[in-house]
Amino acid sequence: MKKLSCFFVLLISLTSHSQDASAIKSHVAHAIEELREFIAIPNDALNADDIDDNILWLKRKFGERGFNTAVLDTENLPLFFAATPMEDAKPTMLIYMHFDGQSVDPSKWDQPNPYTTVLKKPVANGFETVSFDALNDDIDYNWRLFGRSTSDDKGPIIMFLNAMDLLKKEGKEIPFNLKIILDGEEEKSSKPLPKAVKQYRELLEADFLVIADGPIHASELPTVVYGCRGITTMTLTTYGPIKPQHSGHYGNYAPNPGFQLSQLLAGMKDAEGKVTIPGYYDGIQLDEATLDVLKSVPDSDAAISEKLQFKTSEKVGGFYQESLQYPSLNIRGLGSGWIGPKRRTIVPESATAELDLRLVPETDGTRLKNLVKAYISSQGYHVLDHVPSKRERMAYDKIVTVEEGSVMDAFRTELDNPYGTFLVETLQKTFNKDVVRWRIMGGTVPIAPFINELKIPAFIVPMVNPDNNQHSPNENLKIGQLAYGIQALYAILSNTPSK
């Protein structure tokens, strides 16, 4: 069985002041204990008291590392800010992470309390709980820590703090000014962030932004992400009779909103999954150099299909990475009448579809929503932003109510940016492995306000295992990834970018 001490052989060889394996093991053990302490503070994004409790912990822990700290008030919950003393000769790195977490349903977890970290080892049929006393001996780096936010995103905060400890222990000078911004509302879309970044613009000024959030690529290779898609949402509702009606009496006579909505949605895409709405993909061009970078990501379309259990993918792009370069139009939920054991023989009074539209930098979310609404109108529907009155029902044959969500913009940094090159080369040298360069990832993090306001390049440097169950029951962090994050941040914070 591989030992945790073996995992750090490479780190030992790279540091100018070599440490014995037991010292490194002791350091990682400290990080585990600190993570357990942090996880024990509930961090439900919907509970303001939880956020305040976490900020108190963060002030103490960053203060112990010599950071100046501040709590930045916003129009809702505060942000946490920390910085090292500024030196004019050094470039400034701004690091974004978040400390809030998704809500939990303890009944869905394989442990009594999701906020009490549990140590487990992999076995044939899943995972088996191990006493933390086992940390007194060498452990396999595939053992895992289970608890809410172990990966998303308290784990990376602990990695950063312990990388700082290691740098101090070895007497390393950090060639950057460091500014840390920690979000307490990431899991509920960070709505105050755009105004807050504008309000605290001078405090947050930096040369580049690093986001320590999310999982590394499924290949488990070191990963640098140059962008992420944005998101906006729409809710569409069609209408039949004012109340559900007996399908025997009024079937074939009262308009069925389920069929209306189904026909409307079906026309928005062709048989290959491409959006048919005119102008939806305008402005997107992929040259050969970009396609080469996309093809260099070690994905397997066949493996993705096997994992998700479908035979043929949609044809928005020729392969998975190419598909991420285009905006999506997704039905995330449908509802009309009753289904399952509660099903009834009725003509429903309404039907509703929940849509999400993933955005890329070339596509403005408001423009795409307007295109969708224009398409709906072209199909003979009267579009409203409210539930129709009786007068409106009697005046129009087909009505759709459209509720629009806010827009979170996409961002993407150019692949030849020198700070990106620095991050890639540092990780490649540190781990002696190819680094996955991800042009844009499918998910969304609320980073666009920093790019739009501060005018700086941004990069996601993910730290955690790809199978971490974030947002779900049994969220977990591999101890090997905890070690990886400390090592990666140690390297990034102790190397100087090329001029």
Protein backbone atom coordinates (compact mmCIF):
# COMPACT_ATOMS: atom_id res chain seq x y z
CA MET A 1 0.00 0.00 0.00
CA LYS A 2 1.42 3.41 -0.97
CA LYS A 3 2.26 5.55 2.00
CA LEU A 4 1.53 9.23 2.43
CA SER A 5 5.24 9.81 2.97
CA CYS A 6 5.96 8.41 -0.51
CA PHE A 7 3.51 10.87 -2.01
CA PHE A 8 5.83 13.71 -1.05
CA VAL A 9 9.12 12.35 -2.40
CA LEU A 10 8.86 14.77 -5.31
CA LEU A 11 8.22 17.72 -3.00
CA ILE A 12 11.25 16.81 -0.88
CA SER A 13 13.47 16.75 -3.98
CA LEU A 14 12.18 20.14 -5.16
CA THR A 15 12.54 22.11 -1.92
CA SER A 16 15.82 23.83 -1.24
CA HIS A 17 15.67 22.78 2.42
CA SER A 18 14.88 19.07 2.40
CA GLN A 19 12.63 17.75 5.10
CA ASP A 20 12.31 14.19 6.32
CA ALA A 21 9.15 12.28 5.48
CA SER A 22 7.87 12.31 9.04
CA ALA A 23 7.99 16.13 9.17
CA ILE A 24 5.93 16.40 6.00
CA LYS A 25 3.53 13.73 7.23
CA SER A 26 3.14 15.67 10.46
CA HIS A 27 2.39 18.82 8.46
CA VAL A 28 -0.38 17.12 6.46
CA ALA A 29 -1.77 15.63 9.66
CA HIS A 30 -2.00 19.17 11.03
CA ALA A 31 -3.91 20.25 7.92
CA ILE A 32 -6.38 17.41 8.47
CA GLU A 33 -6.97 18.46 12.07
CA GLU A 34 -7.44 22.07 11.01
CA LEU A 35 -9.90 21.03 8.31
CA ARG A 36 -11.89 18.99 10.86
CA GLU A 37 -12.09 22.06 13.06
CA PHE A 38 -13.25 24.23 10.13
CA ILE A 39 -15.83 21.70 8.89
CA ALA A 40 -17.32 21.53 12.40
CA ILE A 41 -18.59 25.10 11.94
CA PRO A 42 -21.83 24.75 9.92
CA ASN A 43 -21.78 26.91 6.78
CA ASP A 44 -25.21 26.71 5.18
CA ALA A 45 -25.33 29.53 2.64
CA LEU A 46 -28.95 30.14 3.61
CA ASN A 47 -28.13 30.75 7.29
CA ALA A 48 -26.58 34.16 8.05
CA ASP A 49 -25.51 33.10 11.55
CA ASP A 50 -23.43 30.28 10.04
CA ILE A 51 -21.60 32.76 7.83
CA ASP A 52 -20.77 35.03 10.79
CA ASP A 53 -19.39 32.07 12.78
CA ASN A 54 -17.12 31.10 9.89
CA ILE A 55 -15.82 34.64 9.49
CA LEU A 56 -14.75 34.70 13.15
CA TRP A 57 -12.77 31.49 12.58
CA LEU A 58 -11.19 32.88 9.40
CA LYS A 59 -10.12 36.11 11.11
CA ARG A 60 -8.28 34.11 13.74
CA LYS A 61 -6.61 31.67 11.36
CA PHE A 62 -5.46 34.25 8.81
CA GLY A 63 -4.35 36.56 11.63
CA GLU A 64 -2.15 33.76 13.01
CA ARG A 65 -0.41 33.65 9.61
CA GLY A 66 0.39 37.35 9.66
CA PHE A 67 -2.39 38.59 7.39
CA ASN A 68 -4.20 41.85 7.86
CA THR A 69 -7.91 41.04 7.78
CA ALA A 70 -11.16 42.91 7.21
CA VAL A 71 -14.86 42.12 6.95
CA LEU A 72 -16.31 43.83 3.89
CA ASP A 73 -19.96 44.74 4.20
CA THR A 74 -22.19 44.19 1.16
CA GLU A 75 -25.89 44.66 0.44
CA ASN A 76 -26.39 41.19 1.94
CA LEU A 77 -23.83 38.99 3.74
CA PRO A 78 -20.25 40.23 4.22
CA LEU A 79 -17.10 39.16 2.40
CA PHE A 80 -13.89 38.21 4.21
CA PHE A 81 -10.68 39.89 3.07
CA ALA A 82 -7.06 39.25 4.04
CA ALA A 83 -3.79 40.65 2.71
CA THR A 84 -0.08 40.58 3.34
CA PRO A 85 1.75 43.90 3.73
CA MET A 86 2.06 45.45 0.27
CA GLU A 87 5.43 46.00 -1.45
CA ASP A 88 5.48 48.14 -4.61
CA ALA A 89 8.14 46.02 -6.32
CA LYS A 90 6.05 42.83 -6.18
CA PRO A 91 3.16 41.82 -8.45
CA THR A 92 -0.12 41.27 -6.64
CA MET A 93 -2.01 37.98 -6.74
CA LEU A 94 -5.67 38.07 -5.77
CA ILE A 95 -7.03 34.69 -4.65
CA TYR A 96 -10.76 33.94 -4.58
CA MET A 97 -12.31 31.08 -2.59
CA HIS A 98 -15.60 30.62 -0.79
CA PHE A 99 -16.44 29.29 2.66
CA ASP A 100 -20.20 28.80 2.43
CA GLY A 101 -21.69 25.42 1.55
CA GLN A 102 -24.81 23.80 0.20
CA SER A 103 -27.54 22.89 2.66
CA VAL A 104 -27.51 19.34 4.01
CA ASP A 105 -30.10 16.63 4.61
CA PRO A 106 -28.39 14.43 7.24
CA SER A 107 -30.72 11.52 6.42
CA LYS A 108 -29.02 11.21 3.01
CA TRP A 109 -25.49 10.98 4.41
CA ASP A 110 -23.64 7.84 5.45
CA GLN A 111 -22.61 9.46 8.73
CA PRO A 112 -24.62 10.97 11.61
CA ASN A 113 -23.54 14.59 11.14
CA PRO A 114 -22.26 16.06 7.84
CA TYR A 115 -20.40 18.72 9.84
CA THR A 116 -18.41 16.14 11.79
CA THR A 117 -15.63 14.95 9.49
CA VAL A 118 -15.32 11.18 9.06
CA LEU A 119 -12.20 9.36 7.84
CA LYS A 120 -12.84 6.48 5.42
CA LYS A 121 -10.81 4.09 3.32
CA PRO A 122 -11.91 2.58 0.00
CA VAL A 123 -13.11 -1.03 0.07
CA ALA A 124 -14.65 -3.29 -2.54
CA ASN A 125 -18.22 -2.07 -2.06
CA GLY A 126 -17.53 1.59 -1.27
CA PHE A 127 -15.89 3.09 1.81
CA GLU A 128 -15.28 1.92 5.35
CA THR A 129 -14.98 4.27 8.33
CA VAL A 130 -11.57 4.43 9.97
CA SER A 131 -10.69 5.93 13.35
CA PHE A 132 -8.66 9.12 13.21
CA ASP A 133 -6.27 7.35 15.58
CA ALA A 134 -4.99 5.64 12.43
CA LEU A 135 -3.35 8.94 11.48
CA ASN A 136 -0.66 8.06 13.99
CA ASP A 137 0.60 5.62 11.35
CA ASP A 138 1.24 6.04 7.66
CA ILE A 139 -1.98 6.04 5.64
CA ASP A 140 -2.83 5.47 2.02
CA TYR A 141 -3.33 8.76 0.20
CA ASN A 142 -6.57 7.37 -1.26
CA TRP A 143 -8.20 7.54 2.16
CA ARG A 144 -10.82 10.27 2.28
CA LEU A 145 -12.30 12.90 4.57
CA PHE A 146 -16.11 13.02 4.39
CA GLY A 147 -18.08 16.11 5.41
CA ARG A 148 -19.87 19.13 3.97
CA SER A 149 -17.42 21.50 2.23
CA THR A 150 -14.39 19.26 2.62
CA SER A 151 -13.89 19.82 -1.12
CA ASP A 152 -16.19 22.74 -1.94
CA ASP A 153 -14.54 24.93 -0.77
CA LYS A 154 -13.12 24.74 2.74
CA GLY A 155 -10.50 22.18 1.73
CA PRO A 156 -8.65 24.60 -0.58
CA ILE A 157 -8.70 27.30 2.13
CA ILE A 158 -6.95 24.87 4.48
CA MET A 159 -4.49 23.95 1.70
CA PHE A 160 -3.61 27.62 1.31
CA LEU A 161 -3.15 28.22 5.04
CA ASN A 162 -0.90 25.19 5.39
CA ALA A 163 1.09 26.09 2.29
CA MET A 164 1.75 29.42 4.02
CA ASP A 165 2.93 27.52 7.12
CA LEU A 166 5.31 25.43 5.03
CA LEU A 167 6.72 28.52 3.30
CA LYS A 168 7.33 30.20 6.65
CA LYS A 169 8.91 27.06 8.12
CA GLU A 170 11.38 26.91 5.23
CA GLY A 171 12.09 30.65 5.28
CA LYS A 172 10.80 31.17 1.75
CA GLU A 173 10.12 34.70 0.58
CA ILE A 174 6.85 35.02 -1.33
CA PRO A 175 7.47 36.99 -4.55
CA PHE A 176 3.89 38.32 -4.57
CA ASN A 177 1.71 40.63 -2.62
CA LEU A 178 -1.22 38.43 -1.60
CA LYS A 179 -4.84 39.48 -1.36
CA ILE A 180 -7.47 36.91 -0.40
CA ILE A 181 -11.20 37.40 -0.93
CA LEU A 182 -13.50 34.76 0.58
CA ASP A 183 -17.15 34.66 -0.44
CA GLY A 184 -19.97 33.61 1.90
CA GLU A 185 -22.70 33.49 -0.75
CA GLU A 186 -21.15 31.56 -3.65
CA GLU A 187 -23.63 28.72 -3.25
CA LYS A 188 -26.53 31.11 -3.78
CA SER A 189 -25.09 32.93 -6.81
CA SER A 190 -23.06 35.67 -5.04
CA LYS A 191 -25.62 38.33 -5.93
CA PRO A 192 -23.91 41.11 -3.91
CA LEU A 193 -20.52 40.50 -5.56
CA PRO A 194 -20.70 42.82 -8.62
CA LYS A 195 -21.58 45.88 -6.50
CA ALA A 196 -19.09 44.85 -3.81
CA VAL A 197 -16.20 44.56 -6.28
CA LYS A 198 -17.05 48.03 -7.60
CA GLN A 199 -17.31 49.41 -4.06
CA TYR A 200 -13.99 47.90 -2.92
CA ARG A 201 -12.21 48.23 -6.24
CA GLU A 202 -9.10 49.96 -4.87
CA LEU A 203 -8.71 47.40 -2.08
CA LEU A 204 -8.98 44.50 -4.54
CA GLU A 205 -6.64 45.83 -7.26
CA ALA A 206 -4.24 43.14 -8.43
CA ASP A 207 -2.23 41.94 -11.41
CA PHE A 208 -4.03 38.62 -11.76
CA LEU A 209 -6.67 36.48 -10.08
CA VAL A 210 -6.43 32.83 -9.05
CA ILE A 211 -9.62 30.94 -8.16
CA ALA A 212 -8.99 27.91 -5.94
CA ASP A 213 -12.27 26.10 -6.41
CA GLY A 214 -13.57 22.99 -8.15
CA PRO A 215 -12.14 19.59 -9.09
CA ILE A 216 -9.11 18.83 -11.21
CA HIS A 217 -9.68 17.14 -14.58
CA ALA A 218 -11.04 13.59 -14.54
CA SER A 219 -7.61 12.34 -15.68
CA GLU A 220 -6.35 13.51 -12.25
CA LEU A 221 -3.60 15.51 -13.96
CA PRO A 222 -2.71 19.00 -12.70
CA THR A 223 -5.19 21.43 -14.18
CA VAL A 224 -5.40 25.12 -15.06
CA VAL A 225 -8.73 26.49 -16.26
CA TYR A 226 -8.79 29.68 -18.32
CA GLY A 227 -12.49 30.40 -18.11
CA CYS A 228 -15.95 29.24 -17.17
CA ARG A 229 -19.38 29.57 -18.67
CA GLY A 230 -21.88 32.01 -17.27
CA ILE A 231 -25.54 31.34 -16.66
CA THR A 232 -29.00 32.83 -16.81
CA THR A 233 -32.43 31.27 -16.40
CA MET A 234 -35.97 31.47 -17.74
CA THR A 235 -39.28 30.05 -16.55
CA LEU A 236 -41.93 29.46 -19.22
CA THR A 237 -45.59 28.80 -18.36
CA THR A 238 -48.39 28.02 -20.79
CA TYR A 239 -52.10 28.01 -19.90
CA GLY A 240 -55.19 25.90 -20.49
CA PRO A 241 -58.50 26.15 -18.57
CA ILE A 242 -58.52 28.34 -15.47
CA LYS A 243 -58.79 25.17 -13.32
CA PRO A 244 -58.01 21.49 -14.08
CA GLN A 245 -60.91 19.90 -15.96
CA HIS A 246 -62.16 16.30 -16.38
CA SER A 247 -60.39 14.92 -19.44
CA GLY A 248 -63.49 12.98 -20.47
CA HIS A 249 -65.66 16.07 -20.50
CA TYR A 250 -63.13 18.55 -21.91
CA GLY A 251 -60.40 16.52 -23.61
CA ASN A 252 -60.41 17.44 -27.35
CA TYR A 253 -61.95 20.79 -26.44
CA ALA A 254 -60.10 22.71 -23.72
CA PRO A 255 -56.52 23.61 -24.84
CA ASN A 256 -53.93 21.40 -23.20
CA PRO A 257 -51.01 23.51 -21.90
CA GLY A 258 -48.74 20.47 -21.74
CA PHE A 259 -48.95 19.92 -25.49
CA GLN A 260 -48.56 23.63 -26.17
CA LEU A 261 -45.40 23.81 -24.09
CA SER A 262 -44.02 20.56 -25.53
CA GLN A 263 -44.45 21.79 -29.10
CA LEU A 264 -42.91 25.14 -28.23
CA LEU A 265 -39.85 23.57 -26.58
CA ALA A 266 -39.39 20.92 -29.28
CA GLY A 267 -39.06 23.61 -31.92
CA MET A 268 -36.16 25.24 -30.12
CA LYS A 269 -33.74 22.43 -31.02
CA ASP A 270 -33.24 20.17 -34.01
CA ALA A 271 -32.90 16.38 -33.91
CA GLU A 272 -29.13 16.67 -33.26
CA GLY A 273 -29.51 18.97 -30.28
CA LYS A 274 -28.54 22.24 -31.98
CA VAL A 275 -30.51 25.34 -31.07
CA THR A 276 -32.63 26.45 -34.02
CA ILE A 277 -33.33 29.96 -32.73
CA PRO A 278 -31.77 32.39 -35.24
CA GLY A 279 -28.62 34.11 -33.96
CA TYR A 280 -28.15 31.92 -30.89
CA TYR A 281 -24.57 30.92 -31.81
CA ASP A 282 -23.54 34.20 -33.44
CA GLY A 283 -20.00 35.45 -32.79
CA ILE A 284 -18.32 32.13 -31.98
CA GLN A 285 -15.32 31.18 -34.11
CA LEU A 286 -12.78 28.47 -33.31
CA ASP A 287 -9.49 28.54 -35.22
CA GLU A 288 -7.18 25.56 -35.65
CA ALA A 289 -4.86 26.60 -32.81
CA THR A 290 -7.81 26.75 -30.40
CA LEU A 291 -9.14 23.42 -31.62
CA ASP A 292 -5.70 21.88 -31.02
CA VAL A 293 -5.79 23.05 -27.39
CA LEU A 294 -9.31 21.66 -26.98
CA LYS A 295 -8.21 18.31 -28.43
CA SER A 296 -5.22 18.20 -26.06
CA VAL A 297 -7.54 17.82 -23.04
CA PRO A 298 -7.41 14.09 -22.20
CA ASP A 299 -11.13 13.42 -22.47
CA SER A 300 -12.69 10.30 -23.94
CA ASP A 301 -16.08 10.88 -25.53
CA ALA A 302 -16.66 7.12 -25.46
CA ALA A 303 -15.89 6.99 -21.74
CA ILE A 304 -18.25 9.90 -21.05
CA SER A 305 -21.05 8.15 -22.96
CA GLU A 306 -20.35 4.92 -21.08
CA LYS A 307 -20.37 6.68 -17.71
CA LEU A 308 -23.57 8.62 -18.41
CA GLN A 309 -25.14 5.68 -20.28
CA PHE A 310 -26.24 7.21 -23.57
CA LYS A 311 -25.36 6.01 -27.07
CA THR A 312 -25.06 9.23 -29.06
CA SER A 313 -24.22 12.73 -27.91
CA GLU A 314 -25.76 15.93 -29.19
CA LYS A 315 -23.89 17.56 -32.06
CA VAL A 316 -23.19 21.04 -30.74
CA GLY A 317 -19.49 20.73 -31.52
CA GLY A 318 -17.69 17.66 -32.77
CA PHE A 319 -16.47 16.50 -29.34
CA TYR A 320 -16.99 17.25 -25.65
CA GLN A 321 -14.55 20.15 -25.23
CA GLU A 322 -15.79 21.81 -28.41
CA SER A 323 -19.37 21.61 -27.15
CA LEU A 324 -18.42 23.73 -24.12
CA GLN A 325 -17.42 26.63 -26.37
CA TYR A 326 -21.06 27.31 -27.30
CA PRO A 327 -23.99 28.58 -25.24
CA SER A 328 -26.43 25.89 -24.15
CA LEU A 329 -30.20 25.84 -23.89
CA ASN A 330 -31.23 23.32 -21.28
CA ILE A 331 -34.60 22.17 -19.92
CA ARG A 332 -33.80 21.66 -16.26
CA GLY A 333 -37.35 20.86 -15.17
CA LEU A 334 -40.88 20.27 -16.50
CA GLY A 335 -44.19 20.19 -14.71
CA SER A 336 -47.88 19.90 -15.56
CA GLY A 337 -50.76 18.24 -13.73
CA TRP A 338 -49.90 15.18 -11.62
CA ILE A 339 -47.76 12.13 -12.32
CA GLY A 340 -47.01 8.80 -10.68
CA PRO A 341 -49.35 7.50 -7.94
CA LYS A 342 -51.11 10.90 -7.84
CA ARG A 343 -51.90 10.97 -11.56
CA ARG A 344 -55.38 12.17 -12.50
CA THR A 345 -57.51 12.13 -15.66
CA ILE A 346 -57.58 15.89 -16.16
CA VAL A 347 -56.72 18.62 -18.63
CA PRO A 348 -54.17 20.66 -16.61
CA GLU A 349 -54.60 24.36 -16.05
CA SER A 350 -50.93 25.15 -16.83
CA ALA A 351 -47.55 23.71 -17.77
CA THR A 352 -44.17 25.06 -16.74
CA ALA A 353 -40.64 24.59 -18.02
CA GLU A 354 -37.53 25.73 -16.17
CA LEU A 355 -34.67 26.60 -18.53
CA ASP A 356 -31.04 27.42 -17.92
CA LEU A 357 -28.85 29.04 -20.54
CA ARG A 358 -25.11 28.55 -20.09
CA LEU A 359 -23.18 31.46 -21.54
CA VAL A 360 -19.77 31.91 -23.17
CA PRO A 361 -17.90 35.24 -23.44
CA GLU A 362 -19.20 35.85 -26.97
CA THR A 363 -22.84 35.58 -25.88
CA ASP A 364 -24.66 38.14 -23.77
CA GLY A 365 -27.23 36.54 -21.49
CA THR A 366 -29.84 39.26 -21.91
CA ARG A 367 -29.52 39.06 -25.69
CA LEU A 368 -30.04 35.28 -25.64
CA LYS A 369 -33.13 35.60 -23.46
CA ASN A 370 -34.50 38.17 -25.89
CA LEU A 371 -33.86 35.76 -28.77
CA VAL A 372 -35.81 33.05 -26.95
CA LYS A 373 -38.70 35.43 -26.31
CA ALA A 374 -38.67 36.57 -29.95
CA TYR A 375 -38.83 32.93 -31.04
CA ILE A 376 -41.80 32.30 -28.73
CA SER A 377 -43.59 35.31 -30.20
CA SER A 378 -42.88 34.06 -33.71
CA GLN A 379 -44.77 30.86 -32.84
CA GLY A 380 -47.95 32.86 -32.25
CA TYR A 381 -47.69 33.29 -28.47
CA HIS A 382 -48.45 36.46 -26.55
CA VAL A 383 -45.57 36.87 -24.10
CA LEU A 384 -46.27 38.21 -20.61
CA ASP A 385 -44.15 38.76 -17.51
CA HIS A 386 -47.06 38.01 -15.18
CA VAL A 387 -49.91 35.54 -14.72
CA PRO A 388 -52.58 36.46 -17.29
CA SER A 389 -55.80 38.11 -16.25
CA LYS A 390 -59.19 36.91 -17.46
CA ARG A 391 -59.21 39.74 -19.99
CA GLU A 392 -55.85 38.62 -21.37
CA ARG A 393 -56.92 34.97 -21.45
CA MET A 394 -59.97 35.86 -23.52
CA ALA A 395 -58.01 38.14 -25.87
CA TYR A 396 -55.24 35.74 -26.98
CA ASP A 397 -55.29 32.15 -28.24
CA LYS A 398 -51.85 31.28 -26.88
CA ILE A 399 -50.15 32.88 -23.89
CA VAL A 400 -46.75 32.32 -22.27
CA THR A 401 -45.57 33.87 -19.04
CA VAL A 402 -41.79 34.32 -19.04
CA GLU A 403 -39.90 34.92 -15.80
CA GLU A 404 -36.27 35.89 -16.29
CA GLY A 405 -33.40 35.19 -13.91
CA SER A 406 -30.36 37.39 -13.41
CA VAL A 407 -27.31 37.04 -15.64
CA MET A 408 -23.95 35.79 -14.40
CA ASP A 409 -21.42 36.46 -17.14
CA ALA A 410 -18.88 34.03 -18.53
CA PHE A 411 -15.18 34.79 -18.52
CA ARG A 412 -12.19 33.52 -20.48
CA THR A 413 -8.52 34.52 -20.33
CA GLU A 414 -6.35 34.18 -23.44
CA LEU A 415 -4.35 30.96 -23.55
CA ASP A 416 -1.07 32.82 -24.14
CA ASN A 417 -1.38 35.05 -21.06
CA PRO A 418 2.00 35.12 -19.24
CA TYR A 419 0.49 34.53 -15.81
CA GLY A 420 -1.29 31.48 -17.18
CA THR A 421 2.00 30.27 -18.63
CA PHE A 422 3.60 30.77 -15.21
CA LEU A 423 0.94 28.66 -13.50
CA VAL A 424 1.15 25.87 -16.09
CA GLU A 425 4.95 25.74 -16.06
CA THR A 426 5.08 25.78 -12.25
CA LEU A 427 2.66 22.86 -11.92
CA GLN A 428 4.37 20.94 -14.71
CA LYS A 429 7.77 21.32 -13.06
CA THR A 430 6.43 20.54 -9.58
CA PHE A 431 4.59 17.34 -10.45
CA ASN A 432 6.56 16.33 -13.56
CA LYS A 433 3.30 15.73 -15.41
CA ASP A 434 1.48 17.30 -18.32
CA VAL A 435 -0.90 20.03 -17.22
CA VAL A 436 -4.43 20.03 -18.59
CA ARG A 437 -5.19 23.45 -20.06
CA TRP A 438 -8.95 23.85 -20.00
CA ARG A 439 -10.03 26.76 -22.23
CA ILE A 440 -13.45 27.04 -20.60
CA MET A 441 -15.20 24.73 -18.18
CA GLY A 442 -18.88 23.98 -18.23
CA GLY A 443 -19.73 25.11 -14.71
CA THR A 444 -20.11 28.66 -13.43
CA VAL A 445 -18.25 30.53 -10.72
CA PRO A 446 -19.03 34.18 -9.95
CA ILE A 447 -15.77 35.63 -11.22
CA ALA A 448 -16.89 37.89 -14.08
CA PRO A 449 -17.32 40.92 -11.75
CA PHE A 450 -13.58 40.84 -10.98
CA ILE A 451 -12.64 40.67 -14.65
CA ASN A 452 -15.13 43.33 -15.70
CA GLU A 453 -14.26 45.79 -12.93
CA LEU A 454 -10.56 45.14 -12.22
CA LYS A 455 -9.57 44.38 -15.84
CA ILE A 456 -7.25 41.52 -14.84
CA PRO A 457 -6.67 38.01 -16.17
CA ALA A 458 -8.17 35.17 -14.14
CA PHE A 459 -7.40 31.47 -13.82
CA ILE A 460 -9.00 28.61 -11.94
CA VAL A 461 -6.46 26.31 -10.30
CA PRO A 462 -8.61 23.44 -8.98
CA MET A 463 -7.30 21.36 -6.11
CA VAL A 464 -9.78 18.59 -5.25
CA ASN A 465 -10.59 15.11 -6.56
CA PRO A 466 -13.09 14.96 -9.46
CA ASP A 467 -15.31 12.44 -7.64
CA ASN A 468 -15.79 14.57 -4.53
CA ASN A 469 -19.64 14.62 -4.52
CA GLN A 470 -19.76 18.40 -4.11
CA HIS A 471 -23.28 19.76 -3.47
CA SER A 472 -24.41 16.18 -2.77
CA PRO A 473 -24.52 13.85 0.22
CA ASN A 474 -21.20 12.25 1.18
CA GLU A 475 -19.02 15.09 -0.10
CA ASN A 476 -15.39 14.11 0.37
CA LEU A 477 -11.75 15.02 -0.12
CA LYS A 478 -8.92 12.58 -0.84
CA ILE A 479 -6.05 13.05 1.56
CA GLY A 480 -3.80 12.84 -1.50
CA GLN A 481 -5.58 15.89 -2.91
CA LEU A 482 -5.12 17.76 0.34
CA ALA A 483 -1.42 17.03 -0.04
CA TYR A 484 -1.57 17.99 -3.74
CA GLY A 485 -3.11 21.37 -2.95
CA ILE A 486 -0.50 22.22 -0.31
CA GLN A 487 2.25 21.25 -2.71
CA ALA A 488 0.75 23.13 -5.66
CA LEU A 489 0.19 26.33 -3.68
CA TYR A 490 3.64 26.05 -2.10
CA ALA A 491 5.16 25.94 -5.57
CA ILE A 492 3.03 28.78 -6.98
CA LEU A 493 3.73 31.03 -4.00
CA SER A 494 7.48 30.40 -3.99
CA ASN A 495 8.24 30.88 -7.69
CA THR A 496 8.59 34.12 -9.61
CA PRO A 497 6.81 34.69 -12.93
CA SER A 498 9.05 35.43 -15.90
CA LYS A 499 9.23 39.07 -16.89
